[in-house]
């Protein structure tokens, strides 16, 4: 039996994602055994460091990528939105499995009306994009928080925190459905580029590429490529208030983008359609950057 070493972070969500990918592969490759190799990243170790401009690029993936380059693992499973937009030399994305729901959710202590949030409601998020989007809903107070999904949910109702904004994909993969949960509409709360998608990463030219090809979902890859091209051409990262979501219909891609000013007070928004995901992302990035600078 062939043994393949799979690199992953050690959070409940990361392990659930990795095991799901391995289950997909086992369904096709019955003679392959997958060994989990848990690797601590900077983000796992520096749990008290804010996710601001001082947080290193690739802080949740660099240690895993290094293990891959060193040959300590054979492939890695990442939350795609954690990967820097610039590819790491020597590595490639061998597969993008079917994407989970890309939208955000609002989990609150008490039932609330999204269109009429209580004045001064304290909402937890470390995402500049989510903070800017929630402030469009009214007078909310944003409280920076970190931690895995269950930890952030547990903070609701503690220390005066009345709600948190999270990715729906994380809750779905963990099988969590808190009682006071609102699915945020994607036309108003455009999610982070690649949210809900996974990236299965390997060394360039490695034979593992063929093994992983069976779980590739081309529409998910094309959508993510358009969203990340938009992010890349804005020269933006996880600290920039930007959202992007692509919808694939046959050969056509519709890309919806939101770009906020650094202070989150101004926004440029638009949709572009096309067939080339990379060109589409660049075109929308150029248009929204020019629009934001004019306004």
Protein backbone atom coordinates (compact mmCIF):
# COMPACT_ATOMS: atom_id res chain seq x y z
CA UNK A 1 0.00 0.00 0.00
CA UNK A 2 1.26 3.46 -0.96
CA UNK A 3 1.55 5.93 1.92
CA UNK A 4 1.09 9.64 1.24
CA UNK A 5 1.92 12.28 3.88
CA UNK A 6 -0.57 15.15 4.03
CA UNK A 7 0.37 18.45 5.66
CA UNK A 8 -2.26 20.39 7.58
CA UNK A 9 -2.77 22.82 10.42
CA UNK A 10 -4.05 21.31 13.64
CA UNK A 11 -7.30 23.22 14.15
CA UNK A 12 -10.57 21.31 14.11
CA UNK A 13 -11.53 23.02 10.86
CA UNK A 14 -8.20 22.36 9.13
CA UNK A 15 -8.32 18.69 10.13
CA UNK A 16 -11.93 18.36 8.98
CA UNK A 17 -11.03 19.89 5.61
CA UNK A 18 -7.98 17.67 5.20
CA UNK A 19 -9.91 14.51 6.08
CA UNK A 20 -12.64 15.44 3.64
CA UNK A 21 -10.06 15.77 0.85
CA UNK A 22 -8.51 12.42 1.82
CA UNK A 23 -11.96 10.78 1.79
CA UNK A 24 -12.52 12.04 -1.75
CA UNK A 25 -9.18 10.56 -2.78
CA UNK A 26 -9.79 7.22 -1.01
CA UNK A 27 -13.01 6.80 -2.98
CA UNK A 28 -10.90 6.62 -6.14
CA UNK A 29 -7.50 5.37 -4.92
CA UNK A 30 -8.32 2.37 -2.75
CA UNK A 31 -4.67 1.30 -2.43
CA UNK A 32 -3.41 4.57 -0.96
CA UNK A 33 -2.99 5.32 2.74
CA UNK A 34 -2.97 8.95 3.88
CA UNK A 35 -0.95 10.04 6.92
CA UNK A 36 -1.79 13.37 8.54
CA UNK A 37 1.20 15.53 9.44
CA UNK A 38 0.14 18.42 11.67
CA UNK A 39 2.31 21.52 11.28
CA UNK A 40 2.12 24.64 13.42
CA UNK A 41 2.20 27.87 11.48
CA UNK A 42 3.09 31.36 12.66
CA UNK A 43 -0.62 32.08 13.05
CA UNK A 44 -1.06 29.03 15.29
CA UNK A 45 1.87 30.01 17.52
CA UNK A 46 1.40 33.80 17.70
CA UNK A 47 -2.22 33.58 18.77
CA UNK A 48 -2.15 36.98 20.45
CA UNK A 49 -0.83 38.88 17.43
CA UNK A 50 -3.48 41.00 15.70
CA UNK A 51 -4.20 40.28 12.05
CA UNK A 52 -2.98 43.70 11.00
CA UNK A 53 -0.27 44.98 8.69
CA UNK A 54 2.45 43.56 10.97
CA UNK A 55 1.11 40.01 10.57
CA UNK A 56 3.39 38.23 8.07
CA UNK A 57 2.18 37.40 4.57
CA UNK A 58 1.45 33.69 4.45
CA UNK A 59 1.36 33.50 8.24
CA UNK A 60 -1.04 30.55 8.15
CA UNK A 61 0.66 28.60 5.34
CA UNK A 62 4.42 29.33 5.12
CA UNK A 63 5.53 26.61 7.55
CA UNK A 64 3.45 24.04 5.69
CA UNK A 65 4.84 25.18 2.34
CA UNK A 66 8.37 24.84 3.69
CA UNK A 67 7.64 21.28 4.83
CA UNK A 68 6.43 20.55 1.31
CA UNK A 69 9.54 22.03 -0.28
CA UNK A 70 11.73 20.07 2.15
CA UNK A 71 10.01 16.80 1.24
CA UNK A 72 8.61 16.20 4.74
CA UNK A 73 5.11 15.98 3.30
CA UNK A 74 3.76 14.98 -0.13
CA UNK A 75 0.91 17.44 -0.44
CA UNK A 76 -0.86 20.04 1.67
CA UNK A 77 -4.46 21.13 2.15
CA UNK A 78 -5.02 24.86 2.69
CA UNK A 79 -7.96 27.18 3.01
CA UNK A 80 -7.37 28.85 -0.34
CA UNK A 81 -7.91 32.38 0.99
CA UNK A 82 -4.91 31.92 3.35
CA UNK A 83 -2.48 31.59 0.43
CA UNK A 84 -0.61 34.70 -0.75
CA UNK A 85 -1.62 35.76 -4.27
CA UNK A 86 1.99 35.30 -5.46
CA UNK A 87 2.72 31.61 -6.01
CA UNK A 88 5.57 30.10 -4.00
CA UNK A 89 8.40 29.05 -6.36
CA UNK A 90 8.59 25.27 -6.70
CA UNK A 91 5.00 24.69 -5.62
CA UNK A 92 1.70 24.47 -7.51
CA UNK A 93 -2.01 23.97 -6.84
CA UNK A 94 -2.71 20.45 -8.08
CA UNK A 95 -6.43 20.47 -7.33
CA UNK A 96 -9.28 22.70 -6.24
CA UNK A 97 -12.10 20.47 -4.94
CA UNK A 98 -15.76 21.55 -5.08
CA UNK A 99 -16.20 24.79 -3.18
CA UNK A 100 -18.31 25.08 -0.03
CA UNK A 101 -20.76 27.99 0.48
CA UNK A 102 -18.71 31.21 0.05
CA UNK A 103 -20.90 33.65 2.00
CA UNK A 104 -20.53 35.09 5.51
CA UNK A 105 -22.87 34.68 8.46
CA UNK A 106 -23.66 36.83 11.48
CA UNK A 107 -24.01 34.92 14.76
CA UNK A 108 -25.60 36.96 17.56
CA UNK A 109 -26.40 36.54 21.25
CA UNK A 110 -30.01 37.64 20.75
CA UNK A 111 -32.24 37.60 17.66
CA UNK A 112 -31.66 40.74 15.55
CA UNK A 113 -32.97 42.27 12.35
CA UNK A 114 -30.11 42.75 9.89
CA UNK A 115 -31.83 45.78 8.35
CA UNK A 116 -32.25 47.40 11.78
CA UNK A 117 -29.33 46.41 13.99
CA UNK A 118 -29.32 47.74 17.56
CA UNK A 119 -27.36 51.00 17.79
CA UNK A 120 -23.84 50.37 19.09
CA UNK A 121 -24.04 46.58 18.82
CA UNK A 122 -20.60 45.09 19.52
CA UNK A 123 -19.55 42.71 16.73
CA UNK A 124 -16.35 40.68 16.66
CA UNK A 125 -14.19 40.37 13.55
CA UNK A 126 -10.55 40.93 12.61
CA UNK A 127 -11.40 41.34 8.92
CA UNK A 128 -11.24 44.93 7.61
CA UNK A 129 -13.65 43.90 4.84
CA UNK A 130 -16.25 42.52 7.26
CA UNK A 131 -15.83 45.56 9.51
CA UNK A 132 -16.44 47.97 6.61
CA UNK A 133 -19.44 45.99 5.38
CA UNK A 134 -21.07 45.78 8.81
CA UNK A 135 -20.59 49.51 9.36
CA UNK A 136 -22.73 50.10 6.28
CA UNK A 137 -25.58 48.55 8.27
CA UNK A 138 -25.57 51.23 10.95
CA UNK A 139 -23.74 52.34 14.06
CA UNK A 140 -21.91 49.17 15.07
CA UNK A 141 -18.82 48.78 17.23
CA UNK A 142 -16.20 46.44 15.81
CA UNK A 143 -14.14 44.41 18.28
CA UNK A 144 -11.02 42.64 16.90
CA UNK A 145 -10.99 38.93 17.79
CA UNK A 146 -8.96 35.87 16.87
CA UNK A 147 -9.30 32.15 17.41
CA UNK A 148 -10.81 29.13 15.72
CA UNK A 149 -14.48 28.97 14.79
CA UNK A 150 -15.80 27.43 18.05
CA UNK A 151 -13.72 29.85 20.12
CA UNK A 152 -15.10 32.88 18.30
CA UNK A 153 -18.68 31.63 18.61
CA UNK A 154 -18.11 31.05 22.33
CA UNK A 155 -17.15 34.72 22.74
CA UNK A 156 -20.67 35.83 21.83
CA UNK A 157 -22.29 36.95 25.05
CA UNK A 158 -18.97 37.15 26.85
CA UNK A 159 -17.18 40.42 27.64
CA UNK A 160 -19.97 42.43 26.08
CA UNK A 161 -19.57 40.90 22.61
CA UNK A 162 -23.02 40.66 21.03
CA UNK A 163 -22.15 38.97 17.76
CA UNK A 164 -19.44 37.68 15.43
CA UNK A 165 -19.09 37.56 11.65
CA UNK A 166 -17.82 34.23 10.30
CA UNK A 167 -17.48 32.30 7.05
CA UNK A 168 -20.45 29.99 6.47
CA UNK A 169 -18.09 27.34 5.07
CA UNK A 170 -16.35 26.87 8.42
CA UNK A 171 -19.60 26.30 10.26
CA UNK A 172 -20.90 23.92 7.59
CA UNK A 173 -17.72 21.83 7.60
CA UNK A 174 -17.79 21.61 11.39
CA UNK A 175 -21.50 20.83 11.47
CA UNK A 176 -22.30 23.91 13.59
CA UNK A 177 -25.60 25.80 13.44
CA UNK A 178 -25.86 28.37 16.27
CA UNK A 179 -29.42 29.40 17.14
CA UNK A 180 -29.21 33.09 16.17
CA UNK A 181 -27.58 32.92 12.75
CA UNK A 182 -28.18 35.16 9.75
CA UNK A 183 -26.87 34.24 6.29
CA UNK A 184 -25.48 37.52 4.97
CA UNK A 185 -26.59 38.28 1.39
CA UNK A 186 -23.65 38.05 -0.98
CA UNK A 187 -24.76 41.00 -3.11
CA UNK A 188 -24.26 43.32 -0.10
CA UNK A 189 -21.62 41.39 1.87
CA UNK A 190 -19.32 40.23 -0.92
CA UNK A 191 -17.03 37.59 0.65
CA UNK A 192 -13.26 37.36 0.70
CA UNK A 193 -11.64 36.15 -2.52
CA UNK A 194 -11.50 32.31 -2.50
CA UNK A 195 -13.63 32.03 0.66
CA UNK A 196 -15.04 28.52 1.00
CA UNK A 197 -12.50 27.03 -1.42
CA UNK A 198 -9.64 24.65 -0.64
CA UNK A 199 -6.24 24.46 -2.35
CA UNK A 200 -4.40 21.15 -2.59
CA UNK A 201 -0.73 22.07 -3.02
CA UNK A 202 2.20 19.95 -4.24
CA UNK A 203 5.76 20.31 -5.47
CA UNK A 204 5.99 21.15 -9.15
CA UNK A 205 6.57 18.04 -11.25
CA UNK A 206 5.82 15.64 -8.39
CA UNK A 207 4.04 12.38 -9.30
CA UNK A 208 1.39 13.17 -6.68
CA UNK A 209 -0.14 15.62 -9.17
CA UNK A 210 -1.70 12.74 -11.11
CA UNK A 211 -3.15 11.19 -7.96
CA UNK A 212 -4.81 14.47 -6.97
CA UNK A 213 -6.26 15.35 -10.38
CA UNK A 214 -9.38 13.26 -9.73
CA UNK A 215 -10.77 15.76 -7.18
CA UNK A 216 -10.32 18.82 -9.38
CA UNK A 217 -13.51 20.90 -9.83
CA UNK A 218 -12.90 23.20 -12.77
CA UNK A 219 -15.72 25.72 -12.08
CA UNK A 220 -14.40 26.24 -8.54
CA UNK A 221 -10.86 26.77 -9.83
CA UNK A 222 -11.94 29.26 -12.48
CA UNK A 223 -14.02 31.23 -9.97
CA UNK A 224 -11.15 31.39 -7.49
CA UNK A 225 -8.65 32.36 -10.19
CA UNK A 226 -10.83 35.33 -11.15
CA UNK A 227 -11.26 36.44 -7.53
CA UNK A 228 -7.56 36.12 -6.71
CA UNK A 229 -6.56 37.87 -9.94
CA UNK A 230 -8.74 40.78 -8.79
CA UNK A 231 -6.99 40.77 -5.41
CA UNK A 232 -3.52 40.45 -6.94
CA UNK A 233 -3.95 43.34 -9.36
CA UNK A 234 -5.11 45.57 -6.52
CA UNK A 235 -1.80 44.70 -4.82
CA UNK A 236 -3.98 43.83 -1.87
CA UNK A 237 -3.74 41.23 0.85
CA UNK A 238 -5.70 40.00 3.85
CA UNK A 239 -5.44 43.46 5.49
CA UNK A 240 -7.17 45.29 2.61
CA UNK A 241 -10.96 45.78 2.77
CA UNK A 242 -11.84 43.95 -0.46
CA UNK A 243 -14.42 41.36 -1.45
CA UNK A 244 -14.80 39.34 -4.63
CA UNK A 245 -17.11 36.55 -5.74
CA UNK A 246 -17.19 34.91 -9.16
CA UNK A 247 -20.09 32.92 -10.58
CA UNK A 248 -19.34 30.45 -13.37
CA UNK A 249 -21.99 29.63 -15.98
CA UNK A 250 -20.56 27.42 -18.68
CA UNK A 251 -17.61 29.28 -20.18
CA UNK A 252 -18.74 32.67 -18.82
CA UNK A 253 -17.62 34.12 -15.50
CA UNK A 254 -19.36 37.01 -13.73
CA UNK A 255 -17.10 38.65 -11.15
CA UNK A 256 -18.57 40.93 -8.47
CA UNK A 257 -16.07 43.04 -6.56
CA UNK A 258 -16.11 45.51 -3.67
CA UNK A 259 -13.12 47.71 -2.86
CA UNK A 260 -13.11 49.91 0.24
CA UNK A 261 -10.81 52.76 1.18
CA UNK A 262 -8.32 51.93 3.94
CA UNK A 263 -10.56 53.58 6.52
CA UNK A 264 -13.56 51.62 5.23
CA UNK A 265 -15.64 54.77 4.68
CA UNK A 266 -15.71 54.79 0.87
CA UNK A 267 -16.48 51.91 -1.48
CA UNK A 268 -16.22 51.19 -5.20
CA UNK A 269 -18.28 48.30 -6.50
CA UNK A 270 -18.85 46.63 -9.85
CA UNK A 271 -19.36 43.51 -11.93
CA UNK A 272 -17.41 42.33 -14.97
CA UNK A 273 -18.08 39.31 -17.18
CA UNK A 274 -15.75 37.35 -19.41
CA UNK A 275 -14.18 33.97 -20.11
CA UNK A 276 -10.55 34.45 -19.05
CA UNK A 277 -10.47 34.53 -15.22
CA UNK A 278 -7.13 36.28 -14.91
CA UNK A 279 -7.94 38.99 -17.46
CA UNK A 280 -11.35 39.43 -15.87
CA UNK A 281 -9.88 40.01 -12.43
CA UNK A 282 -7.39 42.53 -13.74
CA UNK A 283 -10.05 44.43 -15.65
CA UNK A 284 -12.32 44.76 -12.63
CA UNK A 285 -9.42 45.68 -10.33
CA UNK A 286 -8.33 48.49 -12.65
CA UNK A 287 -11.88 49.84 -12.94
CA UNK A 288 -12.66 49.82 -9.23
CA UNK A 289 -9.26 51.26 -8.23
CA UNK A 290 -9.79 54.16 -10.63
CA UNK A 291 -13.35 54.66 -9.38
CA UNK A 292 -12.30 54.70 -5.72
CA UNK A 293 -9.51 57.20 -6.44
CA UNK A 294 -11.95 59.52 -8.24
CA UNK A 295 -14.62 59.49 -5.53
